[in-house]
Amino acid sequence: MHANVDSVAREKFYELLGQAPESEGAWAKRQATLRSWRVDPRFEPYWPTIDQMLTVDFASFKRRLARGGSPGDLEAYDFEALREQREYDLKHAGDHLP
């Protein structure tokens, strides 16, 4: 496990990932949470994902859900593989190809 991963931050991040806001108000609250996490060092390992999440608007999010299921269907998603890949990427971020 990457030394900089805060277990509470990880739990909160993946909990939010599994939720689907049903209203514009809930979406605005989610986006505000993501913006606050974007400046919180505990969430630094998730900043690239948070940056991407902040580019999506509510209408686009709803269209994605309609095409691919709902966050409630994430049981089959391999979050551990995502976490491991993120840790590997962070560990090797300074590696350069010749």
Protein backbone atom coordinates (compact mmCIF):
# COMPACT_ATOMS: atom_id res chain seq x y z
CA MET A 1 0.00 0.00 0.00
CA HIS A 2 1.20 3.50 -0.83
CA ALA A 3 2.40 5.25 2.34
CA ASN A 4 0.48 8.45 1.56
CA VAL A 5 -2.95 6.83 1.30
CA ASP A 6 -5.14 7.86 4.22
CA SER A 7 -7.56 5.01 5.01
CA VAL A 8 -10.39 7.38 6.02
CA ALA A 9 -9.95 9.41 2.82
CA ARG A 10 -9.93 6.21 0.76
CA GLU A 11 -13.14 5.02 2.40
CA LYS A 12 -14.87 8.38 1.82
CA PHE A 13 -13.65 8.54 -1.79
CA TYR A 14 -14.94 5.09 -2.73
CA GLU A 15 -18.19 5.68 -0.85
CA LEU A 16 -18.82 8.82 -2.91
CA LEU A 17 -17.86 6.94 -6.08
CA GLY A 18 -20.64 4.44 -5.41
CA GLN A 19 -23.36 7.07 -5.06
CA ALA A 20 -25.52 8.46 -7.85
CA PRO A 21 -26.95 11.92 -7.15
CA GLU A 22 -30.58 12.03 -8.21
CA SER A 23 -31.04 15.81 -8.27
CA GLU A 24 -29.18 18.94 -9.28
CA GLY A 25 -28.93 19.85 -5.59
CA ALA A 26 -27.33 16.52 -4.70
CA TRP A 27 -25.01 16.92 -7.71
CA ALA A 28 -23.96 20.39 -6.53
CA LYS A 29 -23.23 18.99 -3.07
CA ARG A 30 -21.14 16.16 -4.60
CA GLN A 31 -19.16 18.63 -6.72
CA ALA A 32 -18.54 20.86 -3.68
CA THR A 33 -17.24 17.82 -1.79
CA LEU A 34 -14.93 16.94 -4.70
CA ARG A 35 -13.62 20.52 -4.87
CA SER A 36 -12.88 20.47 -1.13
CA TRP A 37 -11.08 17.14 -1.50
CA ARG A 38 -9.06 18.53 -4.41
CA VAL A 39 -7.22 20.85 -2.00
CA ASP A 40 -7.07 18.38 0.90
CA PRO A 41 -3.67 16.61 0.98
CA ARG A 42 -5.29 13.44 2.37
CA PHE A 43 -6.99 12.99 -1.01
CA GLU A 44 -3.87 13.65 -3.13
CA PRO A 45 -3.71 10.07 -4.50
CA TYR A 46 -7.21 10.66 -5.92
CA TRP A 47 -6.63 14.14 -7.38
CA PRO A 48 -6.32 12.96 -11.02
CA THR A 49 -9.63 11.11 -10.72
CA ILE A 50 -11.23 14.01 -8.87
CA ASP A 51 -10.05 16.40 -11.61
CA GLN A 52 -11.76 14.23 -14.20
CA MET A 53 -14.92 13.91 -12.10
CA LEU A 54 -15.12 17.70 -11.79
CA THR A 55 -15.26 18.05 -15.59
CA VAL A 56 -18.53 16.11 -15.85
CA ASP A 57 -21.83 17.94 -15.58
CA PHE A 58 -25.04 16.49 -14.14
CA ALA A 59 -26.67 15.87 -17.53
CA SER A 60 -23.60 13.99 -18.80
CA PHE A 61 -23.46 11.95 -15.61
CA LYS A 62 -27.10 10.94 -16.00
CA ARG A 63 -26.51 9.94 -19.65
CA ARG A 64 -23.53 7.79 -18.60
CA LEU A 65 -25.64 6.09 -15.97
CA ALA A 66 -28.36 5.40 -18.53
CA ARG A 67 -25.84 3.73 -20.84
CA GLY A 68 -23.84 1.77 -18.31
CA GLY A 69 -25.91 1.03 -15.26
CA SER A 70 -25.75 2.79 -11.93
CA PRO A 71 -23.15 3.26 -9.22
CA GLY A 72 -25.17 0.76 -7.23
CA ASP A 73 -24.00 -1.83 -9.76
CA LEU A 74 -20.32 -1.32 -8.93
CA GLU A 75 -19.96 -4.61 -7.07
CA ALA A 76 -18.29 -6.10 -10.16
CA TYR A 77 -15.91 -3.14 -10.56
CA ASP A 78 -12.40 -3.95 -9.38
CA PHE A 79 -11.60 -0.95 -7.18
CA GLU A 80 -8.61 -2.79 -5.73
CA ALA A 81 -7.06 -3.08 -9.21
CA LEU A 82 -7.69 0.64 -9.75
CA ARG A 83 -6.02 1.45 -6.43
CA GLU A 84 -3.05 -0.79 -7.22
CA GLN A 85 -2.63 0.79 -10.65
CA ARG A 86 -2.79 4.28 -9.13
CA GLU A 87 -0.12 3.34 -6.57
CA TYR A 88 2.10 1.88 -9.31
CA ASP A 89 1.65 5.02 -11.42
CA LEU A 90 2.55 7.25 -8.49
CA LYS A 91 5.59 5.14 -7.64
CA HIS A 92 6.86 5.26 -11.22
CA ALA A 93 5.80 8.79 -12.13
CA GLY A 94 9.43 9.91 -12.32
CA ASP A 95 10.56 7.02 -14.52
CA HIS A 96 11.61 8.06 -18.00
CA LEU A 97 11.96 6.04 -21.14
CA PRO A 98 15.34 6.31 -22.91
